[in-house]
Each structure stands twice: as C-alpha cells, then as structure tokens.
C-alpha cells in the first residue's frame, strides 16, 4: 500500500531560528513598526500568519490593520530571507538528508509532501538553501490557511491531484516536532510521527497523543519501518 509522508520543516527537517527569524523581525519592523513580544511568543507549530497576528495583536493592532499589512509583510520577509540564506543557509537536522534520499528511491511505496506553517515561498527558500526542495512535489502551507489544523486535509487533497492516488487517512503520516503537528494529523485521522528534535521532549510529544515518537530522524531504517508498517 502506497503511503503519504507529510513533513513539517522547522524543528523536523531543519534547525529552527537563525536567518528566518532575523528576516521576519526586520520585515515586521519595516511593515508594522513593531515586532511585538517576539522573544516571549513561541513560534513552535504555528503558521506564519498566526505568529504575525499573535505578535501584532499583542502590540495593540486591530485585525483590519493586520490584514491590510500582511501582503507587504510577506514581500519584505521573503526579500530579506532570500538575502540572509545566501550567507547563512539553513541547517539540516540529523538523518534528514539520508532519509529523504532513501525515500526518494521508493516512489512506489512512499510519496513525499510538506505540511508546514511556513508560507509557501518561504518554505521553498529554506529547503532550497540546503538542496532539499526537489524532494517535495506538493504540500500545504501557512499561506493556505492560518489555522494549522486545516493543513492536513489540504495536503491530502493536493497529493491526490498530484499523483492521482486517494490516500486513506490510515495511509498518511504527519511528521513533526510539536504537539500542534500531532493535533493537525489527528484532526484528519492520520497517523503521526513526532520527533524530539525541536523544542519539545519525548514525553511531551507522547502526551500529545503521537502514534510514534523518536528522538530525531537519524535512524533511517526505523523511520522507514514506521512509514510502511
């Protein structure tokens, strides 16, 4: 049975923070004149629009003002992110390169997609900076919906359109590093694989209800075993 593996990016495939957070900070200042409580608000598992709205509401801005400024924010963010990644590419997490290479050799068994809170162009820039963008033919993004729980259904629909395969929920794995990733998968009845390579530990991810929890993606054989069980 062909499986669909939907990967989160930050904290799952790539290390968090770094150039992306810096680009976001600059873009927020350019567009709205504030970054809000950026050192206090957690980005983990949230969509880019959700993060921006939460920070800007905290700074006292109304939703109408936020909505009006978001297109300019994303243009600024992408410009600064692209420049930042030239000097500081993203960093892949343990086992990611090996796992994607192996899965890429098994297209009849496992189809690869993304399920990420990043806006789509930002996701591409991040993955391209480390040469991983070509592995992912489709996916869902924060630019599709501000609500993370919406993204599994969108990714599954796009997978059907891309490969002509209707993936049953039991044949889909949502792979991420936060309880929000787990909740997103559970919303559509998919299986969930959580990795403690971000800001949450094994016990926290188990408590969130993940079907399987690993320290990271470094054990390629074990991850493939789970994805094809």
C-alpha atoms as a PDB file:
ATOM      1  CA  UNK A   1       0.000   0.000   0.000  1.00  0.00           C
ATOM      2  CA  UNK A   2       1.412   3.371  -1.025  1.00  0.00           C
ATOM      3  CA  UNK A   3       1.905   5.787   1.851  1.00  0.00           C
ATOM      4  CA  UNK A   4       1.976   9.561   2.034  1.00  0.00           C
ATOM      5  CA  UNK A   5       4.533  11.166   4.351  1.00  0.00           C
ATOM      6  CA  UNK A   6       3.849  14.820   5.148  1.00  0.00           C
ATOM      7  CA  UNK A   7       6.828  16.574   6.730  1.00  0.00           C
ATOM      8  CA  UNK A   8       6.961  19.702   8.817  1.00  0.00           C
ATOM      9  CA  UNK A   9      10.062  21.825   8.166  1.00  0.00           C
ATOM     10  CA  UNK A  10      11.280  23.828  11.173  1.00  0.00           C
ATOM     11  CA  UNK A  11      12.427  21.583  14.007  1.00  0.00           C
ATOM     12  CA  UNK A  12      11.747  18.460  11.934  1.00  0.00           C
ATOM     13  CA  UNK A  13      13.818  18.748   8.755  1.00  0.00           C
ATOM     14  CA  UNK A  14      15.733  21.933   9.527  1.00  0.00           C
ATOM     15  CA  UNK A  15      17.010  23.643  12.652  1.00  0.00           C
ATOM     16  CA  UNK A  16      14.780  26.476  13.836  1.00  0.00           C
ATOM     17  CA  UNK A  17      15.559  30.174  14.176  1.00  0.00           C
ATOM     18  CA  UNK A  18      18.648  31.676  12.583  1.00  0.00           C
ATOM     19  CA  UNK A  19      18.232  33.624   9.345  1.00  0.00           C
ATOM     20  CA  UNK A  20      14.476  33.077   9.112  1.00  0.00           C
ATOM     21  CA  UNK A  21      13.682  34.645  12.470  1.00  0.00           C
ATOM     22  CA  UNK A  22      16.030  37.522  11.714  1.00  0.00           C
ATOM     23  CA  UNK A  23      14.340  38.149   8.358  1.00  0.00           C
ATOM     24  CA  UNK A  24      10.924  38.017   9.992  1.00  0.00           C
ATOM     25  CA  UNK A  25      11.984  40.525  12.649  1.00  0.00           C
ATOM     26  CA  UNK A  26      13.268  43.018  10.052  1.00  0.00           C
ATOM     27  CA  UNK A  27      10.140  42.601   7.923  1.00  0.00           C
ATOM     28  CA  UNK A  28       7.864  43.201  10.886  1.00  0.00           C
ATOM     29  CA  UNK A  29       9.674  46.432  11.706  1.00  0.00           C
ATOM     30  CA  UNK A  30       9.610  47.601   8.088  1.00  0.00           C
ATOM     31  CA  UNK A  31       5.918  46.878   7.668  1.00  0.00           C
ATOM     32  CA  UNK A  32       4.324  47.487  11.049  1.00  0.00           C
ATOM     33  CA  UNK A  33       6.986  49.316  13.054  1.00  0.00           C
ATOM     34  CA  UNK A  34       6.960  46.681  15.802  1.00  0.00           C
ATOM     35  CA  UNK A  35       7.906  43.058  16.388  1.00  0.00           C
ATOM     36  CA  UNK A  36       5.688  42.685  19.431  1.00  0.00           C
ATOM     37  CA  UNK A  37       6.877  40.329  22.181  1.00  0.00           C
ATOM     38  CA  UNK A  38       8.952  38.278  19.736  1.00  0.00           C
ATOM     39  CA  UNK A  39      11.300  36.952  22.414  1.00  0.00           C
ATOM     40  CA  UNK A  40       8.390  35.695  24.509  1.00  0.00           C
ATOM     41  CA  UNK A  41       5.883  34.349  21.983  1.00  0.00           C
ATOM     42  CA  UNK A  42       6.578  30.784  20.875  1.00  0.00           C
ATOM     43  CA  UNK A  43       6.678  30.109  17.125  1.00  0.00           C
ATOM     44  CA  UNK A  44       6.565  26.329  17.598  1.00  0.00           C
ATOM     45  CA  UNK A  45       3.957  24.575  15.480  1.00  0.00           C
ATOM     46  CA  UNK A  46       2.207  27.788  14.412  1.00  0.00           C
ATOM     47  CA  UNK A  47       1.606  29.111  10.913  1.00  0.00           C
ATOM     48  CA  UNK A  48       3.471  32.224   9.794  1.00  0.00           C
ATOM     49  CA  UNK A  49       0.236  34.274   9.599  1.00  0.00           C
ATOM     50  CA  UNK A  50      -0.798  33.045  13.051  1.00  0.00           C
ATOM     51  CA  UNK A  51       2.550  34.120  14.503  1.00  0.00           C
ATOM     52  CA  UNK A  52       2.351  37.547  12.886  1.00  0.00           C
ATOM     53  CA  UNK A  53      -1.234  38.089  14.049  1.00  0.00           C
ATOM     54  CA  UNK A  54      -0.475  36.998  17.603  1.00  0.00           C
ATOM     55  CA  UNK A  55       2.516  39.354  17.849  1.00  0.00           C
ATOM     56  CA  UNK A  56       0.680  42.273  16.294  1.00  0.00           C
ATOM     57  CA  UNK A  57      -2.457  41.854  18.372  1.00  0.00           C
ATOM     58  CA  UNK A  58      -0.208  41.829  21.420  1.00  0.00           C
ATOM     59  CA  UNK A  59       1.233  45.138  20.236  1.00  0.00           C
ATOM     60  CA  UNK A  60      -2.273  46.605  20.088  1.00  0.00           C
ATOM     61  CA  UNK A  61      -3.027  46.416  16.363  1.00  0.00           C
ATOM     62  CA  UNK A  62      -6.541  45.629  15.125  1.00  0.00           C
ATOM     63  CA  UNK A  63      -7.194  42.697  12.775  1.00  0.00           C
ATOM     64  CA  UNK A  64      -8.198  45.014   9.927  1.00  0.00           C
ATOM     65  CA  UNK A  65      -4.832  46.773  10.111  1.00  0.00           C
ATOM     66  CA  UNK A  66      -3.007  43.465  10.323  1.00  0.00           C
ATOM     67  CA  UNK A  67      -4.842  42.012   7.318  1.00  0.00           C
ATOM     68  CA  UNK A  68      -4.110  45.101   5.251  1.00  0.00           C
ATOM     69  CA  UNK A  69      -0.392  44.907   6.019  1.00  0.00           C
ATOM     70  CA  UNK A  70       0.214  41.161   5.674  1.00  0.00           C
ATOM     71  CA  UNK A  71       0.904  41.155   1.905  1.00  0.00           C
ATOM     72  CA  UNK A  72       3.605  43.782   2.415  1.00  0.00           C
ATOM     73  CA  UNK A  73       4.970  41.833   5.371  1.00  0.00           C
ATOM     74  CA  UNK A  74       5.419  38.669   3.315  1.00  0.00           C
ATOM     75  CA  UNK A  75       7.053  40.522   0.429  1.00  0.00           C
ATOM     76  CA  UNK A  76       9.532  42.097   2.833  1.00  0.00           C
ATOM     77  CA  UNK A  77      10.110  38.830   4.690  1.00  0.00           C
ATOM     78  CA  UNK A  78      10.838  36.856   1.524  1.00  0.00           C
ATOM     79  CA  UNK A  79      13.233  39.504   0.258  1.00  0.00           C
ATOM     80  CA  UNK A  80      15.213  39.526   3.490  1.00  0.00           C
ATOM     81  CA  UNK A  81      15.045  35.743   3.887  1.00  0.00           C
ATOM     82  CA  UNK A  82      16.473  35.160   0.419  1.00  0.00           C
ATOM     83  CA  UNK A  83      19.355  37.515   1.127  1.00  0.00           C
ATOM     84  CA  UNK A  84      20.017  36.030   4.568  1.00  0.00           C
ATOM     85  CA  UNK A  85      20.105  32.454   3.274  1.00  0.00           C
ATOM     86  CA  UNK A  86      22.905  33.289   0.848  1.00  0.00           C
ATOM     87  CA  UNK A  87      25.208  33.940   3.785  1.00  0.00           C
ATOM     88  CA  UNK A  88      23.623  31.556   6.293  1.00  0.00           C
ATOM     89  CA  UNK A  89      21.844  28.582   4.728  1.00  0.00           C
ATOM     90  CA  UNK A  90      19.505  26.597   6.919  1.00  0.00           C
ATOM     91  CA  UNK A  91      20.956  23.583   8.743  1.00  0.00           C
ATOM     92  CA  UNK A  92      19.559  20.091   8.248  1.00  0.00           C
ATOM     93  CA  UNK A  93      18.813  18.020  11.330  1.00  0.00           C
ATOM     94  CA  UNK A  94      20.325  14.563  11.975  1.00  0.00           C
ATOM     95  CA  UNK A  95      19.365  11.878   9.486  1.00  0.00           C
ATOM     96  CA  UNK A  96      17.245  14.108   7.256  1.00  0.00           C
ATOM     97  CA  UNK A  97      19.412  14.013   4.130  1.00  0.00           C
ATOM     98  CA  UNK A  98      19.855  10.244   4.331  1.00  0.00           C
ATOM     99  CA  UNK A  99      16.155   9.620   4.986  1.00  0.00           C
ATOM    100  CA  UNK A 100      14.907  11.769   2.117  1.00  0.00           C
ATOM    101  CA  UNK A 101      17.413  10.197  -0.262  1.00  0.00           C
ATOM    102  CA  UNK A 102      16.237   6.720   0.682  1.00  0.00           C
ATOM    103  CA  UNK A 103      12.552   7.576   0.481  1.00  0.00           C
ATOM    104  CA  UNK A 104      13.211   9.247  -2.860  1.00  0.00           C
ATOM    105  CA  UNK A 105      14.349   5.878  -4.173  1.00  0.00           C
ATOM    106  CA  UNK A 106      10.975   4.345  -3.271  1.00  0.00           C
ATOM    107  CA  UNK A 107       8.362   6.467  -5.074  1.00  0.00           C
ATOM    108  CA  UNK A 108       6.030   3.497  -5.494  1.00  0.00           C
ATOM    109  CA  UNK A 109       5.995   2.943  -1.720  1.00  0.00           C
ATOM    110  CA  UNK A 110       6.102   6.426  -0.189  1.00  0.00           C
ATOM    111  CA  UNK A 111       5.095   9.787  -1.622  1.00  0.00           C
ATOM    112  CA  UNK A 112       6.688  12.844  -0.045  1.00  0.00           C
ATOM    113  CA  UNK A 113       4.866  16.041   0.775  1.00  0.00           C
ATOM    114  CA  UNK A 114       5.087  19.022   3.097  1.00  0.00           C
ATOM    115  CA  UNK A 115       2.775  20.133   5.872  1.00  0.00           C
ATOM    116  CA  UNK A 116       4.256  23.304   7.275  1.00  0.00           C
ATOM    117  CA  UNK A 117       3.253  26.583   8.854  1.00  0.00           C
ATOM    118  CA  UNK A 118       5.709  28.392   6.587  1.00  0.00           C
ATOM    119  CA  UNK A 119       4.218  30.418   3.778  1.00  0.00           C
ATOM    120  CA  UNK A 120       4.885  28.504   0.554  1.00  0.00           C
ATOM    121  CA  UNK A 121       7.636  30.705  -0.959  1.00  0.00           C
ATOM    122  CA  UNK A 122       9.448  30.800   2.389  1.00  0.00           C
ATOM    123  CA  UNK A 123       9.326  27.020   2.651  1.00  0.00           C
ATOM    124  CA  UNK A 124      10.878  26.710  -0.803  1.00  0.00           C
ATOM    125  CA  UNK A 125      13.638  29.194   0.016  1.00  0.00           C
ATOM    126  CA  UNK A 126      14.536  27.355   3.224  1.00  0.00           C
ATOM    127  CA  UNK A 127      14.624  23.911   1.613  1.00  0.00           C
ATOM    128  CA  UNK A 128      16.433  25.162  -1.484  1.00  0.00           C
ATOM    129  CA  UNK A 129      19.196  26.630   0.664  1.00  0.00           C
ATOM    130  CA  UNK A 130      20.184  23.074   1.653  1.00  0.00           C
ATOM    131  CA  UNK A 131      19.233  21.355  -1.609  1.00  0.00           C
ATOM    132  CA  UNK A 132      16.113  19.564  -0.360  1.00  0.00           C
ATOM    133  CA  UNK A 133      13.359  21.362  -2.271  1.00  0.00           C
ATOM    134  CA  UNK A 134      13.307  18.868  -5.173  1.00  0.00           C
ATOM    135  CA  UNK A 135      12.144  16.045  -2.904  1.00  0.00           C
ATOM    136  CA  UNK A 136       8.719  17.606  -2.326  1.00  0.00           C
ATOM    137  CA  UNK A 137       6.270  17.740  -5.211  1.00  0.00           C
ATOM    138  CA  UNK A 138       3.359  19.091  -3.192  1.00  0.00           C
ATOM    139  CA  UNK A 139       2.150  20.049   0.264  1.00  0.00           C
ATOM    140  CA  UNK A 140       0.216  22.541   2.346  1.00  0.00           C
ATOM    141  CA  UNK A 141       1.481  25.763   3.854  1.00  0.00           C
ATOM    142  CA  UNK A 142       0.704  28.587   6.226  1.00  0.00           C
ATOM    143  CA  UNK A 143      -0.226  30.641   3.172  1.00  0.00           C
ATOM    144  CA  UNK A 144      -3.098  28.183   2.562  1.00  0.00           C
ATOM    145  CA  UNK A 145      -4.666  28.663   5.992  1.00  0.00           C
ATOM    146  CA  UNK A 146      -3.771  30.483   9.175  1.00  0.00           C
ATOM    147  CA  UNK A 147      -5.222  27.528  11.102  1.00  0.00           C
ATOM    148  CA  UNK A 148      -2.734  24.669  11.387  1.00  0.00           C
ATOM    149  CA  UNK A 149      -5.438  22.018  11.749  1.00  0.00           C
ATOM    150  CA  UNK A 150      -6.710  22.840   8.236  1.00  0.00           C
ATOM    151  CA  UNK A 151      -3.464  21.860   6.571  1.00  0.00           C
ATOM    152  CA  UNK A 152      -3.648  18.054   6.646  1.00  0.00           C
ATOM    153  CA  UNK A 153      -6.832  17.988   4.554  1.00  0.00           C
ATOM    154  CA  UNK A 154      -5.324  20.453   2.077  1.00  0.00           C
ATOM    155  CA  UNK A 155      -2.123  18.398   1.744  1.00  0.00           C
ATOM    156  CA  UNK A 156      -4.069  15.175   1.211  1.00  0.00           C
ATOM    157  CA  UNK A 157      -6.207  16.795  -1.477  1.00  0.00           C
ATOM    158  CA  UNK A 158      -3.152  18.125  -3.284  1.00  0.00           C
ATOM    159  CA  UNK A 159      -1.469  14.717  -3.049  1.00  0.00           C
ATOM    160  CA  UNK A 160      -4.482  13.197  -4.790  1.00  0.00           C
ATOM    161  CA  UNK A 161      -4.276  15.830  -7.517  1.00  0.00           C
ATOM    162  CA  UNK A 162      -0.512  15.353  -7.912  1.00  0.00           C
ATOM    163  CA  UNK A 163      -0.308  11.552  -8.066  1.00  0.00           C
ATOM    164  CA  UNK A 164      -3.854  10.518  -8.887  1.00  0.00           C
ATOM    165  CA  UNK A 165      -3.971   8.489  -5.680  1.00  0.00           C
ATOM    166  CA  UNK A 166      -6.596   8.856  -2.975  1.00  0.00           C
ATOM    167  CA  UNK A 167      -4.692   8.299   0.258  1.00  0.00           C
ATOM    168  CA  UNK A 168      -6.824   6.942   3.090  1.00  0.00           C
ATOM    169  CA  UNK A 169      -6.120   8.621   6.416  1.00  0.00           C
ATOM    170  CA  UNK A 170      -4.551   5.427   7.779  1.00  0.00           C
ATOM    171  CA  UNK A 171      -2.020   5.547   4.911  1.00  0.00           C
ATOM    172  CA  UNK A 172      -0.892   9.085   5.730  1.00  0.00           C
ATOM    173  CA  UNK A 173       1.781  10.049   8.239  1.00  0.00           C
ATOM    174  CA  UNK A 174       2.099  13.604   9.563  1.00  0.00           C
ATOM    175  CA  UNK A 175       5.680  14.040  10.764  1.00  0.00           C
ATOM    176  CA  UNK A 176       6.558  16.959  13.004  1.00  0.00           C
ATOM    177  CA  UNK A 177       8.205  18.123  16.192  1.00  0.00           C
ATOM    178  CA  UNK A 178       5.405  19.803  18.159  1.00  0.00           C
ATOM    179  CA  UNK A 179       2.087  18.886  19.777  1.00  0.00           C
ATOM    180  CA  UNK A 180       0.439  21.109  17.154  1.00  0.00           C
ATOM    181  CA  UNK A 181       1.750  18.822  14.405  1.00  0.00           C
ATOM    182  CA  UNK A 182       0.277  15.860  16.235  1.00  0.00           C
ATOM    183  CA  UNK A 183      -3.080  17.631  16.643  1.00  0.00           C
ATOM    184  CA  UNK A 184      -3.082  18.548  12.973  1.00  0.00           C
ATOM    185  CA  UNK A 185      -2.693  14.921  11.936  1.00  0.00           C
ATOM    186  CA  UNK A 186      -5.231  13.670  14.438  1.00  0.00           C
ATOM    187  CA  UNK A 187      -7.754  16.190  13.090  1.00  0.00           C
ATOM    188  CA  UNK A 188      -7.883  14.182   9.839  1.00  0.00           C
ATOM    189  CA  UNK A 189      -7.335  10.764  11.415  1.00  0.00           C
ATOM    190  CA  UNK A 190      -3.838  10.316  10.011  1.00  0.00           C
ATOM    191  CA  UNK A 191      -1.018   8.544  11.762  1.00  0.00           C
ATOM    192  CA  UNK A 192       1.508  10.770  13.476  1.00  0.00           C
ATOM    193  CA  UNK A 193       5.240  10.519  13.953  1.00  0.00           C
ATOM    194  CA  UNK A 194       6.714  13.090  16.313  1.00  0.00           C
ATOM    195  CA  UNK A 195      10.414  13.825  16.657  1.00  0.00           C
ATOM    196  CA  UNK A 196      12.013  15.472  19.683  1.00  0.00           C
ATOM    197  CA  UNK A 197      14.413  17.495  17.531  1.00  0.00           C
ATOM    198  CA  UNK A 198      12.708  20.830  18.180  1.00  0.00           C
ATOM    199  CA  UNK A 199      11.541  22.458  21.409  1.00  0.00           C
ATOM    200  CA  UNK A 200       9.536  19.538  22.832  1.00  0.00           C
ATOM    201  CA  UNK A 201      10.796  16.388  24.510  1.00  0.00           C
ATOM    202  CA  UNK A 202       9.761  12.784  24.014  1.00  0.00           C
ATOM    203  CA  UNK A 203       7.395  12.740  26.997  1.00  0.00           C
ATOM    204  CA  UNK A 204       5.602  15.912  25.888  1.00  0.00           C
ATOM    205  CA  UNK A 205       5.072  14.501  22.406  1.00  0.00           C
ATOM    206  CA  UNK A 206       3.842  11.199  23.769  1.00  0.00           C
ATOM    207  CA  UNK A 207       1.402  13.081  25.996  1.00  0.00           C
ATOM    208  CA  UNK A 208       0.133  14.920  22.902  1.00  0.00           C
ATOM    209  CA  UNK A 209      -1.020  11.576  21.508  1.00  0.00           C
ATOM    210  CA  UNK A 210       1.548  10.884  18.784  1.00  0.00           C
ATOM    211  CA  UNK A 211       1.403   7.335  17.432  1.00  0.00           C
ATOM    212  CA  UNK A 212       5.196   7.122  17.492  1.00  0.00           C
ATOM    213  CA  UNK A 213       7.890   9.343  18.981  1.00  0.00           C
ATOM    214  CA  UNK A 214      11.593   9.329  18.090  1.00  0.00           C
ATOM    215  CA  UNK A 215      14.462  11.478  19.292  1.00  0.00           C
ATOM    216  CA  UNK A 216      15.133  12.534  15.683  1.00  0.00           C
ATOM    217  CA  UNK A 217      15.157  11.130  12.153  1.00  0.00           C
ATOM    218  CA  UNK A 218      18.666   9.667  12.278  1.00  0.00           C
ATOM    219  CA  UNK A 219      17.582   6.002  12.286  1.00  0.00           C
ATOM    220  CA  UNK A 220      16.599   5.721   8.629  1.00  0.00           C
ATOM    221  CA  UNK A 221      15.687   2.046   8.862  1.00  0.00           C
ATOM    222  CA  UNK A 222      13.377   2.615  11.825  1.00  0.00           C
ATOM    223  CA  UNK A 223      11.623   5.591  10.213  1.00  0.00           C
ATOM    224  CA  UNK A 224      11.043   3.616   7.010  1.00  0.00           C
ATOM    225  CA  UNK A 225       9.732   0.717   9.046  1.00  0.00           C
ATOM    226  CA  UNK A 226       7.178   3.010  10.686  1.00  0.00           C
ATOM    227  CA  UNK A 227       6.144   4.675   7.434  1.00  0.00           C
ATOM    228  CA  UNK A 228       5.474   1.340   5.738  1.00  0.00           C
ATOM    229  CA  UNK A 229       4.006  -0.680   8.609  1.00  0.00           C
END
